[in-house]
Amino acid sequence: MTKAGTNAGNLNPLFHPAAHYASPEDVLNDSELSAPEKRIILSSWASDMFAVESFPALREVPGMSHAIRLADILAALRRLDGEDDDPPPGGLPMRRRPWTAALRRSA
């Protein structure tokens, strides 16, 4: 039987990251974690399973005393992948597919 009052210091950070990290930045700064381990933690926090009802831009992770912004989690994942912290402004215009023009002409 497990003890309900287990000390957070005895828990594995991969299985109970909310007991060890207060923010995505804390995960990125942990030199003992590999990049794949950091990605696992951050991706789990970004899951819609933890989305705050009526405010999907926030995540409430069990065991964490505060909500985390999804934008902060995604920015940490981009930094982990070596990309710029901020996505480019606006979207890129979609290219026309060459076959769609041919389909329109034949109709």
Protein backbone atom coordinates (compact mmCIF):
# COMPACT_ATOMS: atom_id res chain seq x y z
CA MET A 1 0.00 0.00 0.00
CA THR A 2 1.31 3.48 -0.82
CA LYS A 3 1.54 6.35 1.61
CA ALA A 4 -0.65 9.32 0.69
CA GLY A 5 1.66 11.80 2.43
CA THR A 6 4.76 11.02 0.37
CA ASN A 7 7.40 13.73 0.50
CA ALA A 8 7.68 15.51 -2.88
CA GLY A 9 11.47 15.26 -2.64
CA ASN A 10 11.22 11.48 -3.01
CA LEU A 11 9.14 11.62 -6.19
CA ASN A 12 10.70 11.18 -9.62
CA PRO A 13 10.56 14.49 -11.54
CA LEU A 14 9.51 12.69 -14.73
CA PHE A 15 6.49 11.10 -13.11
CA HIS A 16 5.56 14.02 -10.85
CA PRO A 17 7.01 17.14 -12.50
CA ALA A 18 4.57 19.52 -10.82
CA ALA A 19 6.13 18.57 -7.49
CA HIS A 20 9.55 19.73 -8.73
CA TYR A 21 9.02 22.56 -11.21
CA ALA A 22 7.00 25.77 -10.86
CA SER A 23 7.27 26.91 -14.47
CA PRO A 24 8.32 25.86 -17.97
CA GLU A 25 11.50 27.90 -17.42
CA ASP A 26 12.38 25.73 -14.41
CA VAL A 27 12.09 22.63 -16.61
CA LEU A 28 14.36 24.15 -19.28
CA ASN A 29 16.95 25.16 -16.67
CA ASP A 30 17.24 21.70 -15.06
CA SER A 31 20.63 20.45 -16.21
CA GLU A 32 19.91 16.92 -14.96
CA LEU A 33 17.12 16.40 -17.51
CA SER A 34 17.80 15.46 -21.12
CA ALA A 35 16.07 17.33 -23.95
CA PRO A 36 13.63 14.43 -24.54
CA GLU A 37 12.77 14.36 -20.82
CA LYS A 38 12.12 18.11 -20.84
CA ARG A 39 9.94 17.67 -23.94
CA ILE A 40 7.91 14.95 -22.19
CA ILE A 41 7.20 17.19 -19.20
CA LEU A 42 6.38 20.31 -21.23
CA SER A 43 4.23 18.40 -23.72
CA SER A 44 2.24 16.80 -20.92
CA TRP A 45 1.59 20.22 -19.41
CA ALA A 46 0.43 21.54 -22.79
CA SER A 47 -2.16 18.78 -23.06
CA ASP A 48 -5.78 19.85 -23.43
CA MET A 49 -6.48 17.51 -20.54
CA PHE A 50 -5.20 20.29 -18.22
CA ALA A 51 -6.96 23.17 -19.98
CA VAL A 52 -8.84 25.51 -17.67
CA GLU A 53 -12.53 25.40 -18.47
CA SER A 54 -13.70 28.63 -20.13
CA PHE A 55 -10.06 29.77 -20.46
CA PRO A 56 -8.16 27.33 -22.69
CA ALA A 57 -5.05 29.54 -22.78
CA LEU A 58 -4.27 28.36 -19.22
CA ARG A 59 -3.31 24.94 -17.92
CA GLU A 60 -4.03 23.71 -14.39
CA VAL A 61 -1.57 20.91 -13.71
CA PRO A 62 -2.44 18.72 -10.70
CA GLY A 63 0.03 19.28 -7.88
CA MET A 64 0.92 22.80 -9.03
CA SER A 65 -0.29 25.71 -6.92
CA HIS A 66 -0.97 28.00 -9.88
CA ALA A 67 -2.12 27.87 -13.50
CA ILE A 68 0.44 28.06 -16.31
CA ARG A 69 -0.03 29.94 -19.57
CA LEU A 70 -0.08 27.66 -22.61
CA ALA A 71 1.91 30.31 -24.49
CA ASP A 72 4.75 29.94 -21.95
CA ILE A 73 4.78 26.16 -22.34
CA LEU A 74 4.84 26.39 -26.14
CA ALA A 75 7.59 29.03 -26.02
CA ALA A 76 9.67 26.69 -23.84
CA LEU A 77 9.15 23.85 -26.33
CA ARG A 78 10.28 26.13 -29.18
CA ARG A 79 13.40 27.10 -27.22
CA LEU A 80 14.10 23.43 -26.55
CA ASP A 81 13.94 22.83 -30.30
CA GLY A 82 16.37 25.71 -30.89
CA GLU A 83 13.77 27.94 -32.48
CA ASP A 84 13.10 31.59 -31.74
CA ASP A 85 11.10 32.20 -28.59
CA ASP A 86 8.32 34.00 -30.47
CA PRO A 87 6.55 32.65 -33.53
CA PRO A 88 6.60 34.92 -36.59
CA PRO A 89 3.83 37.53 -36.61
CA GLY A 90 0.86 36.69 -38.76
CA GLY A 91 0.54 33.64 -40.93
CA LEU A 92 2.17 32.90 -44.20
CA PRO A 93 -0.14 33.16 -47.18
CA MET A 94 -1.20 29.77 -48.43
CA ARG A 95 0.23 28.78 -51.78
CA ARG A 96 -2.11 27.84 -54.52
CA ARG A 97 -1.84 24.27 -55.53
CA PRO A 98 -1.16 24.05 -59.29
CA TRP A 99 -3.63 21.23 -59.75
CA THR A 100 -6.54 23.27 -58.35
CA ALA A 101 -6.37 25.69 -61.29
CA ALA A 102 -6.50 22.75 -63.69
CA LEU A 103 -9.49 21.34 -61.86
CA ARG A 104 -11.34 24.67 -62.11
CA ARG A 105 -10.66 24.90 -65.84
CA SER A 106 -11.96 21.41 -66.51
CA ALA A 107 -15.20 21.96 -64.56
